[in-house]
C-alpha atoms as a PDB file:
ATOM      1  CA  UNK A   1     370.897 -37.269 215.691  1.00  0.00           C
ATOM      2  CA  UNK A   2     368.695 -37.083 212.617  1.00  0.00           C
ATOM      3  CA  UNK A   3     366.319 -34.270 211.860  1.00  0.00           C
ATOM      4  CA  UNK A   4     363.189 -34.298 209.735  1.00  0.00           C
ATOM      5  CA  UNK A   5     360.721 -31.781 208.430  1.00  0.00           C
ATOM      6  CA  UNK A   6     357.056 -32.308 207.736  1.00  0.00           C
ATOM      7  CA  UNK A   7     354.712 -30.098 205.710  1.00  0.00           C
ATOM      8  CA  UNK A   8     350.976 -30.710 206.099  1.00  0.00           C
ATOM      9  CA  UNK A   9     348.639 -28.864 203.751  1.00  0.00           C
ATOM     10  CA  UNK A  10     344.928 -28.512 204.453  1.00  0.00           C
ATOM     11  CA  UNK A  11     342.202 -27.302 202.098  1.00  0.00           C
ATOM     12  CA  UNK A  12     339.258 -25.872 204.005  1.00  0.00           C
ATOM     13  CA  UNK A  13     336.287 -23.613 203.338  1.00  0.00           C
ATOM     14  CA  UNK A  14     337.545 -20.093 204.179  1.00  0.00           C
ATOM     15  CA  UNK A  15     334.590 -19.524 206.515  1.00  0.00           C
ATOM     16  CA  UNK A  16     335.698 -22.532 208.607  1.00  0.00           C
ATOM     17  CA  UNK A  17     339.193 -21.193 209.306  1.00  0.00           C
ATOM     18  CA  UNK A  18     338.383 -19.771 212.785  1.00  0.00           C
ATOM     19  CA  UNK A  19     337.213 -23.223 213.931  1.00  0.00           C
ATOM     20  CA  UNK A  20     340.267 -24.853 212.356  1.00  0.00           C
ATOM     21  CA  UNK A  21     342.672 -22.360 213.967  1.00  0.00           C
ATOM     22  CA  UNK A  22     341.079 -22.860 217.379  1.00  0.00           C
ATOM     23  CA  UNK A  23     341.640 -26.624 217.134  1.00  0.00           C
ATOM     24  CA  UNK A  24     345.136 -26.086 215.747  1.00  0.00           C
ATOM     25  CA  UNK A  25     346.096 -23.776 218.620  1.00  0.00           C
ATOM     26  CA  UNK A  26     345.167 -26.488 221.111  1.00  0.00           C
ATOM     27  CA  UNK A  27     347.202 -29.031 219.143  1.00  0.00           C
ATOM     28  CA  UNK A  28     350.143 -26.635 218.861  1.00  0.00           C
ATOM     29  CA  UNK A  29     350.329 -26.261 222.641  1.00  0.00           C
ATOM     30  CA  UNK A  30     350.872 -30.015 222.952  1.00  0.00           C
ATOM     31  CA  UNK A  31     353.251 -30.366 220.006  1.00  0.00           C
ATOM     32  CA  UNK A  32     355.604 -27.545 220.992  1.00  0.00           C
ATOM     33  CA  UNK A  33     355.804 -28.962 224.519  1.00  0.00           C
ATOM     34  CA  UNK A  34     357.490 -32.048 223.062  1.00  0.00           C
ATOM     35  CA  UNK A  35     361.272 -31.736 223.492  1.00  0.00           C
ATOM     36  CA  UNK A  36     361.815 -33.309 220.057  1.00  0.00           C
ATOM     37  CA  UNK A  37     359.902 -30.501 218.291  1.00  0.00           C
ATOM     38  CA  UNK A  38     362.350 -27.783 217.259  1.00  0.00           C
ATOM     39  CA  UNK A  39     360.042 -25.720 215.012  1.00  0.00           C
ATOM     40  CA  UNK A  40     356.310 -25.318 214.438  1.00  0.00           C
ATOM     41  CA  UNK A  41     354.581 -22.718 212.289  1.00  0.00           C
ATOM     42  CA  UNK A  42     351.387 -22.258 210.307  1.00  0.00           C
ATOM     43  CA  UNK A  43     351.052 -20.462 206.966  1.00  0.00           C
ATOM     44  CA  UNK A  44     348.212 -19.322 204.716  1.00  0.00           C
ATOM     45  CA  UNK A  45     348.588 -19.400 200.966  1.00  0.00           C
ATOM     46  CA  UNK A  46     347.339 -15.880 200.127  1.00  0.00           C
ATOM     47  CA  UNK A  47     346.284 -16.616 196.545  1.00  0.00           C
ATOM     48  CA  UNK A  48     344.463 -19.797 197.586  1.00  0.00           C
ATOM     49  CA  UNK A  49     341.870 -18.943 200.260  1.00  0.00           C
ATOM     50  CA  UNK A  50     341.319 -21.781 202.691  1.00  0.00           C
ATOM     51  CA  UNK A  51     344.646 -23.446 201.969  1.00  0.00           C
ATOM     52  CA  UNK A  52     346.776 -23.696 205.115  1.00  0.00           C
ATOM     53  CA  UNK A  53     350.166 -25.312 205.637  1.00  0.00           C
ATOM     54  CA  UNK A  54     351.753 -26.438 208.886  1.00  0.00           C
ATOM     55  CA  UNK A  55     355.524 -26.822 208.973  1.00  0.00           C
ATOM     56  CA  UNK A  56     357.166 -28.853 211.721  1.00  0.00           C
ATOM     57  CA  UNK A  57     360.830 -29.684 212.279  1.00  0.00           C
ATOM     58  CA  UNK A  58     361.728 -32.545 214.601  1.00  0.00           C
ATOM     59  CA  UNK A  59     365.085 -33.704 215.910  1.00  0.00           C
ATOM     60  CA  UNK A  60     363.990 -37.283 215.207  1.00  0.00           C
ATOM     61  CA  UNK A  61     363.549 -39.280 212.015  1.00  0.00           C
ATOM     62  CA  UNK A  62     360.417 -40.195 210.072  1.00  0.00           C
ATOM     63  CA  UNK A  63     360.192 -43.637 211.710  1.00  0.00           C
ATOM     64  CA  UNK A  64     360.095 -42.076 215.194  1.00  0.00           C
ATOM     65  CA  UNK A  65     357.423 -39.570 214.137  1.00  0.00           C
ATOM     66  CA  UNK A  66     355.261 -42.354 212.730  1.00  0.00           C
ATOM     67  CA  UNK A  67     355.743 -44.909 215.517  1.00  0.00           C
ATOM     68  CA  UNK A  68     355.900 -42.605 218.550  1.00  0.00           C
ATOM     69  CA  UNK A  69     354.782 -39.037 217.898  1.00  0.00           C
ATOM     70  CA  UNK A  70     351.848 -39.641 215.548  1.00  0.00           C
ATOM     71  CA  UNK A  71     350.226 -41.967 218.102  1.00  0.00           C
ATOM     72  CA  UNK A  72     349.868 -39.303 220.789  1.00  0.00           C
ATOM     73  CA  UNK A  73     346.247 -38.978 221.887  1.00  0.00           C
ATOM     74  CA  UNK A  74     346.140 -35.198 221.539  1.00  0.00           C
ATOM     75  CA  UNK A  75     346.018 -35.495 217.731  1.00  0.00           C
ATOM     76  CA  UNK A  76     342.569 -37.140 217.807  1.00  0.00           C
ATOM     77  CA  UNK A  77     340.421 -34.065 218.641  1.00  0.00           C
ATOM     78  CA  UNK A  78     342.260 -31.997 216.027  1.00  0.00           C
ATOM     79  CA  UNK A  79     341.817 -34.653 213.352  1.00  0.00           C
ATOM     80  CA  UNK A  80     338.080 -34.909 214.086  1.00  0.00           C
ATOM     81  CA  UNK A  81     337.751 -31.170 213.410  1.00  0.00           C
ATOM     82  CA  UNK A  82     339.846 -31.406 210.239  1.00  0.00           C
ATOM     83  CA  UNK A  83     337.878 -34.364 208.889  1.00  0.00           C
ATOM     84  CA  UNK A  84     334.615 -32.481 209.431  1.00  0.00           C
ATOM     85  CA  UNK A  85     335.891 -29.378 207.620  1.00  0.00           C
ATOM     86  CA  UNK A  86     338.330 -30.340 204.881  1.00  0.00           C
ATOM     87  CA  UNK A  87     337.279 -30.049 201.252  1.00  0.00           C
ATOM     88  CA  UNK A  88     340.108 -32.380 200.162  1.00  0.00           C
ATOM     89  CA  UNK A  89     342.195 -34.847 202.140  1.00  0.00           C
ATOM     90  CA  UNK A  90     345.226 -33.300 203.795  1.00  0.00           C
ATOM     91  CA  UNK A  91     348.536 -33.607 201.993  1.00  0.00           C
ATOM     92  CA  UNK A  92     351.489 -34.728 204.111  1.00  0.00           C
ATOM     93  CA  UNK A  93     355.039 -34.310 202.844  1.00  0.00           C
ATOM     94  CA  UNK A  94     357.968 -35.623 204.877  1.00  0.00           C
ATOM     95  CA  UNK A  95     361.277 -34.033 203.959  1.00  0.00           C
ATOM     96  CA  UNK A  96     364.795 -35.104 204.877  1.00  0.00           C
ATOM     97  CA  UNK A  97     367.606 -32.528 204.854  1.00  0.00           C
ATOM     98  CA  UNK A  98     370.468 -32.835 202.380  1.00  0.00           C
ATOM     99  CA  UNK A  99     373.819 -32.611 204.086  1.00  0.00           C
ATOM    100  CA  UNK A 100     375.801 -29.463 203.396  1.00  0.00           C
ATOM    101  CA  UNK A 101     372.908 -27.077 202.767  1.00  0.00           C
ATOM    102  CA  UNK A 102     371.641 -26.254 206.247  1.00  0.00           C
ATOM    103  CA  UNK A 103     371.824 -22.657 207.370  1.00  0.00           C
ATOM    104  CA  UNK A 104     370.234 -21.312 210.501  1.00  0.00           C
ATOM    105  CA  UNK A 105     370.791 -18.394 212.850  1.00  0.00           C
END
């Protein structure tokens, strides 16, 4: 079974973060309920106020995420909030693991 990681970086006005986090929490509840989602976390970049990164790890490949997962209706309300708030378009990075380097506890 393949595994993939996605990093999504948002740039938002710092004052809008509470609204963003509220929408993200709702989205997170749906995403982590998916059996294919093995990790979900959110990070702030301390030296860059308003810059937030979501990290997700899925036990499916990029094609599955794009064709199946990304089409789930629960993304729409979150994306409407993001589009209203973001100061720059979100940056999405899909990563594939390199065999032989994985370590996890």
